[in-house]
Amino acid sequence: MPIAYQLTTEANEIVLRMPRKIVDEEFLNRLLAYLEVETLRRQSQMTAAEAEGLLRDIKQSAWEQVQHLFDPI
């Protein structure tokens, strides 16, 4: 079975390489958003529940700003 991903460190960066076919872009965007919020939570001592609430608020606000683009004509 081939390796699904490769994780390496280069200087001050972590590099993750994986075939495009094993993960869809929407999932990857959600994962990266989670990692960003989790990083901010750790730095601010925010609880996981507070971070999840903040993430929901951000997603709702973003949707409200672009929802008109998806309304039927």
PDB file of N, CA and C in Angstrom:
ATOM      1  N   MET A   1       0.844  -1.182   0.000  1.00  0.00           N
ATOM      2  CA  MET A   1       0.000   0.000   0.000  1.00  0.00           C
ATOM      3  C   MET A   1       0.887   1.242   0.000  1.00  0.00           C
ATOM      4  N   PRO A   2       0.664   2.170  -0.937  1.00  0.00           N
ATOM      5  CA  PRO A   2       1.488   3.373  -1.004  1.00  0.00           C
ATOM      6  C   PRO A   2       1.206   4.293   0.184  1.00  0.00           C
ATOM      7  N   ILE A   3       2.191   5.105   0.533  1.00  0.00           N
ATOM      8  CA  ILE A   3       2.042   6.061   1.628  1.00  0.00           C
ATOM      9  C   ILE A   3       1.056   7.145   1.203  1.00  0.00           C
ATOM     10  N   ALA A   4       0.099   7.469   2.089  1.00  0.00           N
ATOM     11  CA  ALA A   4      -0.942   8.438   1.762  1.00  0.00           C
ATOM     12  C   ALA A   4      -0.443   9.876   1.828  1.00  0.00           C
ATOM     13  N   TYR A   5       0.562  10.128   2.666  1.00  0.00           N
ATOM     14  CA  TYR A   5       1.064  11.486   2.779  1.00  0.00           C
ATOM     15  C   TYR A   5       2.506  11.477   3.253  1.00  0.00           C
ATOM     16  N   GLN A   6       3.158  12.627   3.113  1.00  0.00           N
ATOM     17  CA  GLN A   6       4.530  12.796   3.575  1.00  0.00           C
ATOM     18  C   GLN A   6       4.601  14.102   4.347  1.00  0.00           C
ATOM     19  N   LEU A   7       5.087  14.057   5.570  1.00  0.00           N
ATOM     20  CA  LEU A   7       5.204  15.222   6.429  1.00  0.00           C
ATOM     21  C   LEU A   7       6.683  15.477   6.699  1.00  0.00           C
ATOM     22  N   THR A   8       7.140  16.686   6.367  1.00  0.00           N
ATOM     23  CA  THR A   8       8.536  17.040   6.593  1.00  0.00           C
ATOM     24  C   THR A   8       8.604  18.429   7.212  1.00  0.00           C
ATOM     25  N   THR A   9       9.739  18.741   7.805  1.00  0.00           N
ATOM     26  CA  THR A   9       9.973  20.091   8.317  1.00  0.00           C
ATOM     27  C   THR A   9      11.120  20.703   7.542  1.00  0.00           C
ATOM     28  N   GLU A  10      10.941  21.950   7.179  1.00  0.00           N
ATOM     29  CA  GLU A  10      11.954  22.701   6.443  1.00  0.00           C
ATOM     30  C   GLU A  10      12.069  24.070   7.106  1.00  0.00           C
ATOM     31  N   ALA A  11      13.204  24.329   7.738  1.00  0.00           N
ATOM     32  CA  ALA A  11      13.426  25.585   8.461  1.00  0.00           C
ATOM     33  C   ALA A  11      12.302  25.777   9.479  1.00  0.00           C
ATOM     34  N   ASN A  12      11.509  26.818   9.312  1.00  0.00           N
ATOM     35  CA  ASN A  12      10.413  27.107  10.248  1.00  0.00           C
ATOM     36  C   ASN A  12       9.060  26.683   9.706  1.00  0.00           C
ATOM     37  N   GLU A  13       9.021  25.774   8.757  1.00  0.00           N
ATOM     38  CA  GLU A  13       7.768  25.357   8.138  1.00  0.00           C
ATOM     39  C   GLU A  13       7.576  23.854   8.259  1.00  0.00           C
ATOM     40  N   ILE A  14       6.318  23.459   8.304  1.00  0.00           N
ATOM     41  CA  ILE A  14       5.950  22.050   8.196  1.00  0.00           C
ATOM     42  C   ILE A  14       5.320  21.880   6.827  1.00  0.00           C
ATOM     43  N   VAL A  15       5.788  20.896   6.079  1.00  0.00           N
ATOM     44  CA  VAL A  15       5.300  20.680   4.717  1.00  0.00           C
ATOM     45  C   VAL A  15       4.579  19.335   4.670  1.00  0.00           C
ATOM     46  N   LEU A  16       3.342  19.358   4.202  1.00  0.00           N
ATOM     47  CA  LEU A  16       2.539  18.149   4.045  1.00  0.00           C
ATOM     48  C   LEU A  16       2.293  17.933   2.561  1.00  0.00           C
ATOM     49  N   ARG A  17       2.688  16.778   2.076  1.00  0.00           N
ATOM     50  CA  ARG A  17       2.466  16.432   0.664  1.00  0.00           C
ATOM     51  C   ARG A  17       1.579  15.202   0.603  1.00  0.00           C
ATOM     52  N   MET A  18       0.575  15.269  -0.281  1.00  0.00           N
ATOM     53  CA  MET A  18      -0.325  14.140  -0.469  1.00  0.00           C
ATOM     54  C   MET A  18      -0.913  14.202  -1.866  1.00  0.00           C
ATOM     55  N   PRO A  19      -1.285  13.060  -2.397  1.00  0.00           N
ATOM     56  CA  PRO A  19      -1.939  13.061  -3.715  1.00  0.00           C
ATOM     57  C   PRO A  19      -3.274  13.811  -3.649  1.00  0.00           C
ATOM     58  N   ARG A  20      -3.573  14.587  -4.651  1.00  0.00           N
ATOM     59  CA  ARG A  20      -4.828  15.351  -4.684  1.00  0.00           C
ATOM     60  C   ARG A  20      -6.056  14.460  -4.584  1.00  0.00           C
ATOM     61  N   LYS A  21      -5.944  13.254  -5.082  1.00  0.00           N
ATOM     62  CA  LYS A  21      -7.130  12.389  -5.135  1.00  0.00           C
ATOM     63  C   LYS A  21      -7.561  11.850  -3.771  1.00  0.00           C
ATOM     64  N   ILE A  22      -6.715  11.972  -2.738  1.00  0.00           N
ATOM     65  CA  ILE A  22      -7.107  11.381  -1.453  1.00  0.00           C
ATOM     66  C   ILE A  22      -7.878  12.336  -0.551  1.00  0.00           C
ATOM     67  N   VAL A  23      -7.935  13.628  -0.894  1.00  0.00           N
ATOM     68  CA  VAL A  23      -8.665  14.586  -0.062  1.00  0.00           C
ATOM     69  C   VAL A  23      -9.273  15.655  -0.970  1.00  0.00           C
ATOM     70  N   ASP A  24     -10.527  16.024  -0.672  1.00  0.00           N
ATOM     71  CA  ASP A  24     -11.127  17.063  -1.495  1.00  0.00           C
ATOM     72  C   ASP A  24     -10.800  18.442  -0.908  1.00  0.00           C
ATOM     73  N   GLU A  25     -10.885  19.445  -1.737  1.00  0.00           N
ATOM     74  CA  GLU A  25     -10.467  20.797  -1.361  1.00  0.00           C
ATOM     75  C   GLU A  25     -11.315  21.359  -0.227  1.00  0.00           C
ATOM     76  N   GLU A  26     -12.601  21.075  -0.224  1.00  0.00           N
ATOM     77  CA  GLU A  26     -13.479  21.578   0.839  1.00  0.00           C
ATOM     78  C   GLU A  26     -13.041  21.037   2.201  1.00  0.00           C
ATOM     79  N   PHE A  27     -12.757  19.747   2.262  1.00  0.00           N
ATOM     80  CA  PHE A  27     -12.294  19.153   3.511  1.00  0.00           C
ATOM     81  C   PHE A  27     -10.984  19.781   3.953  1.00  0.00           C
ATOM     82  N   LEU A  28     -10.069  19.970   3.031  1.00  0.00           N
ATOM     83  CA  LEU A  28      -8.771  20.551   3.365  1.00  0.00           C
ATOM     84  C   LEU A  28      -8.929  21.980   3.885  1.00  0.00           C
ATOM     85  N   ASN A  29      -9.818  22.758   3.273  1.00  0.00           N
ATOM     86  CA  ASN A  29     -10.070  24.120   3.755  1.00  0.00           C
ATOM     87  C   ASN A  29     -10.634  24.112   5.167  1.00  0.00           C
ATOM     88  N   ARG A  30     -11.555  23.184   5.450  1.00  0.00           N
ATOM     89  CA  ARG A  30     -12.114  23.083   6.808  1.00  0.00           C
ATOM     90  C   ARG A  30     -11.031  22.688   7.807  1.00  0.00           C
ATOM     91  N   LEU A  31     -10.170  21.771   7.417  1.00  0.00           N
ATOM     92  CA  LEU A  31      -9.087  21.339   8.285  1.00  0.00           C
ATOM     93  C   LEU A  31      -8.131  22.491   8.582  1.00  0.00           C
ATOM     94  N   LEU A  32      -7.762  23.245   7.574  1.00  0.00           N
ATOM     95  CA  LEU A  32      -6.860  24.375   7.773  1.00  0.00           C
ATOM     96  C   LEU A  32      -7.501  25.460   8.628  1.00  0.00           C
ATOM     97  N   ALA A  33      -8.793  25.704   8.446  1.00  0.00           N
ATOM     98  CA  ALA A  33      -9.501  26.673   9.295  1.00  0.00           C
ATOM     99  C   ALA A  33      -9.490  26.211  10.746  1.00  0.00           C
ATOM    100  N   TYR A  34      -9.712  24.918  10.951  1.00  0.00           N
ATOM    101  CA  TYR A  34      -9.668  24.372  12.309  1.00  0.00           C
ATOM    102  C   TYR A  34      -8.276  24.562  12.918  1.00  0.00           C
ATOM    103  N   LEU A  35      -7.234  24.258  12.169  1.00  0.00           N
ATOM    104  CA  LEU A  35      -5.871  24.409  12.675  1.00  0.00           C
ATOM    105  C   LEU A  35      -5.573  25.863  13.027  1.00  0.00           C
ATOM    106  N   GLU A  36      -6.044  26.778  12.217  1.00  0.00           N
ATOM    107  CA  GLU A  36      -5.820  28.190  12.487  1.00  0.00           C
ATOM    108  C   GLU A  36      -6.527  28.619  13.768  1.00  0.00           C
ATOM    109  N   VAL A  37      -7.782  28.219  13.914  1.00  0.00           N
ATOM    110  CA  VAL A  37      -8.532  28.566  15.120  1.00  0.00           C
ATOM    111  C   VAL A  37      -7.907  27.909  16.345  1.00  0.00           C
ATOM    112  N   GLU A  38      -7.486  26.668  16.223  1.00  0.00           N
ATOM    113  CA  GLU A  38      -6.857  25.965  17.343  1.00  0.00           C
ATOM    114  C   GLU A  38      -5.556  26.652  17.750  1.00  0.00           C
ATOM    115  N   THR A  39      -4.793  27.117  16.790  1.00  0.00           N
ATOM    116  CA  THR A  39      -3.561  27.844  17.094  1.00  0.00           C
ATOM    117  C   THR A  39      -3.871  29.136  17.842  1.00  0.00           C
ATOM    118  N   LEU A  40      -4.858  29.864  17.370  1.00  0.00           N
ATOM    119  CA  LEU A  40      -5.266  31.103  18.047  1.00  0.00           C
ATOM    120  C   LEU A  40      -5.785  30.805  19.451  1.00  0.00           C
ATOM    121  N   ARG A  41      -6.532  29.728  19.599  1.00  0.00           N
ATOM    122  CA  ARG A  41      -7.070  29.359  20.910  1.00  0.00           C
ATOM    123  C   ARG A  41      -5.944  29.091  21.893  1.00  0.00           C
ATOM    124  N   ARG A  42      -4.948  28.355  21.466  1.00  0.00           N
ATOM    125  CA  ARG A  42      -3.827  28.047  22.351  1.00  0.00           C
ATOM    126  C   ARG A  42      -3.095  29.315  22.777  1.00  0.00           C
ATOM    127  N   GLN A  43      -2.955  30.234  21.858  1.00  0.00           N
ATOM    128  CA  GLN A  43      -2.243  31.470  22.167  1.00  0.00           C
ATOM    129  C   GLN A  43      -3.056  32.380  23.074  1.00  0.00           C
ATOM    130  N   SER A  44      -4.376  32.273  23.037  1.00  0.00           N
ATOM    131  CA  SER A  44      -5.233  33.176  23.807  1.00  0.00           C
ATOM    132  C   SER A  44      -5.857  32.525  25.027  1.00  0.00           C
ATOM    133  N   GLN A  45      -5.610  31.241  25.228  1.00  0.00           N
ATOM    134  CA  GLN A  45      -6.210  30.488  26.332  1.00  0.00           C
ATOM    135  C   GLN A  45      -7.733  30.334  26.169  1.00  0.00           C
ATOM    136  N   MET A  46      -8.219  30.464  24.950  1.00  0.00           N
ATOM    137  CA  MET A  46      -9.634  30.272  24.656  1.00  0.00           C
ATOM    138  C   MET A  46      -9.963  28.787  24.782  1.00  0.00           C
ATOM    139  N   THR A  47     -11.149  28.471  25.278  1.00  0.00           N
ATOM    140  CA  THR A  47     -11.552  27.069  25.362  1.00  0.00           C
ATOM    141  C   THR A  47     -11.938  26.560  23.980  1.00  0.00           C
ATOM    142  N   ALA A  48     -11.967  25.255  23.829  1.00  0.00           N
ATOM    143  CA  ALA A  48     -12.357  24.658  22.549  1.00  0.00           C
ATOM    144  C   ALA A  48     -13.781  25.063  22.180  1.00  0.00           C
ATOM    145  N   ALA A  49     -14.675  25.094  23.155  1.00  0.00           N
ATOM    146  CA  ALA A  49     -16.072  25.478  22.888  1.00  0.00           C
ATOM    147  C   ALA A  49     -16.148  26.925  22.415  1.00  0.00           C
ATOM    148  N   GLU A  50     -15.367  27.809  23.034  1.00  0.00           N
ATOM    149  CA  GLU A  50     -15.348  29.211  22.609  1.00  0.00           C
ATOM    150  C   GLU A  50     -14.790  29.346  21.195  1.00  0.00           C
ATOM    151  N   ALA A  51     -13.752  28.583  20.892  1.00  0.00           N
ATOM    152  CA  ALA A  51     -13.161  28.619  19.555  1.00  0.00           C
ATOM    153  C   ALA A  51     -14.148  28.120  18.509  1.00  0.00           C
ATOM    154  N   GLU A  52     -14.872  27.055  18.827  1.00  0.00           N
ATOM    155  CA  GLU A  52     -15.862  26.526  17.887  1.00  0.00           C
ATOM    156  C   GLU A  52     -16.985  27.529  17.673  1.00  0.00           C
ATOM    157  N   GLY A  53     -17.403  28.213  18.732  1.00  0.00           N
ATOM    158  CA  GLY A  53     -18.427  29.252  18.602  1.00  0.00           C
ATOM    159  C   GLY A  53     -17.949  30.391  17.722  1.00  0.00           C
ATOM    160  N   LEU A  54     -16.710  30.804  17.918  1.00  0.00           N
ATOM    161  CA  LEU A  54     -16.129  31.857  17.095  1.00  0.00           C
ATOM    162  C   LEU A  54     -16.065  31.425  15.640  1.00  0.00           C
ATOM    163  N   LEU A  55     -15.664  30.192  15.402  1.00  0.00           N
ATOM    164  CA  LEU A  55     -15.595  29.674  14.042  1.00  0.00           C
ATOM    165  C   LEU A  55     -16.975  29.679  13.388  1.00  0.00           C
ATOM    166  N   ARG A  56     -18.001  29.265  14.131  1.00  0.00           N
ATOM    167  CA  ARG A  56     -19.375  29.288  13.594  1.00  0.00           C
ATOM    168  C   ARG A  56     -19.784  30.713  13.240  1.00  0.00           C
ATOM    169  N   ASP A  57     -19.465  31.664  14.117  1.00  0.00           N
ATOM    170  CA  ASP A  57     -19.811  33.063  13.852  1.00  0.00           C
ATOM    171  C   ASP A  57     -19.115  33.580  12.600  1.00  0.00           C
ATOM    172  N   ILE A  58     -17.852  33.237  12.445  1.00  0.00           N
ATOM    173  CA  ILE A  58     -17.088  33.682  11.277  1.00  0.00           C
ATOM    174  C   ILE A  58     -17.674  33.084  10.005  1.00  0.00           C
ATOM    175  N   LYS A  59     -17.980  31.792  10.040  1.00  0.00           N
ATOM    176  CA  LYS A  59     -18.544  31.141   8.852  1.00  0.00           C
ATOM    177  C   LYS A  59     -19.902  31.745   8.489  1.00  0.00           C
ATOM    178  N   GLN A  60     -20.732  32.036   9.505  1.00  0.00           N
ATOM    179  CA  GLN A  60     -22.049  32.625   9.246  1.00  0.00           C
ATOM    180  C   GLN A  60     -21.900  34.011   8.638  1.00  0.00           C
ATOM    181  N   SER A  61     -20.991  34.793   9.182  1.00  0.00           N
ATOM    182  CA  SER A  61     -20.758  36.136   8.657  1.00  0.00           C
ATOM    183  C   SER A  61     -20.265  36.089   7.214  1.00  0.00           C
ATOM    184  N   ALA A  62     -19.348  35.187   6.934  1.00  0.00           N
ATOM    185  CA  ALA A  62     -18.836  35.049   5.572  1.00  0.00           C
ATOM    186  C   ALA A  62     -19.953  34.645   4.622  1.00  0.00           C
ATOM    187  N   TRP A  63     -20.797  33.705   5.044  1.00  0.00           N
ATOM    188  CA  TRP A  63     -21.915  33.262   4.199  1.00  0.00           C
ATOM    189  C   TRP A  63     -22.863  34.419   3.916  1.00  0.00           C
ATOM    190  N   GLU A  64     -23.169  35.223   4.934  1.00  0.00           N
ATOM    191  CA  GLU A  64     -24.073  36.354   4.739  1.00  0.00           C
ATOM    192  C   GLU A  64     -23.518  37.342   3.726  1.00  0.00           C
ATOM    193  N   GLN A  65     -22.204  37.458   3.647  1.00  0.00           N
ATOM    194  CA  GLN A  65     -21.588  38.396   2.716  1.00  0.00           C
ATOM    195  C   GLN A  65     -21.605  37.894   1.272  1.00  0.00           C
ATOM    196  N   VAL A  66     -21.667  36.580   1.063  1.00  0.00           N
ATOM    197  CA  VAL A  66     -21.637  36.052  -0.303  1.00  0.00           C
ATOM    198  C   VAL A  66     -22.921  35.341  -0.715  1.00  0.00           C
ATOM    199  N   GLN A  67     -23.861  35.244   0.183  1.00  0.00           N
ATOM    200  CA  GLN A  67     -25.103  34.508  -0.096  1.00  0.00           C
ATOM    201  C   GLN A  67     -25.811  35.035  -1.340  1.00  0.00           C
ATOM    202  N   HIS A  68     -25.785  36.339  -1.545  1.00  0.00           N
ATOM    203  CA  HIS A  68     -26.468  36.917  -2.708  1.00  0.00           C
ATOM    204  C   HIS A  68     -25.925  36.387  -4.026  1.00  0.00           C
ATOM    205  N   LEU A  69     -24.697  35.908  -4.033  1.00  0.00           N
ATOM    206  CA  LEU A  69     -24.109  35.350  -5.251  1.00  0.00           C
ATOM    207  C   LEU A  69     -24.745  34.028  -5.648  1.00  0.00           C
ATOM    208  N   PHE A  70     -25.414  33.378  -4.703  1.00  0.00           N
ATOM    209  CA  PHE A  70     -26.000  32.072  -4.945  1.00  0.00           C
ATOM    210  C   PHE A  70     -27.514  32.083  -5.032  1.00  0.00           C
ATOM    211  N   ASP A  71     -28.129  33.251  -4.836  1.00  0.00           N
ATOM    212  CA  ASP A  71     -29.572  33.361  -4.930  1.00  0.00           C
ATOM    213  C   ASP A  71     -29.998  33.218  -6.384  1.00  0.00           C
ATOM    214  N   PRO A  72     -31.083  32.469  -6.623  1.00  0.00           N
ATOM    215  CA  PRO A  72     -31.577  32.345  -8.014  1.00  0.00           C
ATOM    216  C   PRO A  72     -32.063  33.694  -8.526  1.00  0.00           C
ATOM    217  N   ILE A  73     -31.902  33.878  -9.793  1.00  0.00           N
ATOM    218  CA  ILE A  73     -32.314  35.145 -10.432  1.00  0.00           C
ATOM    219  C   ILE A  73     -33.798  35.123 -10.703  1.00  0.00           C
TER     220      ILE A  73
END
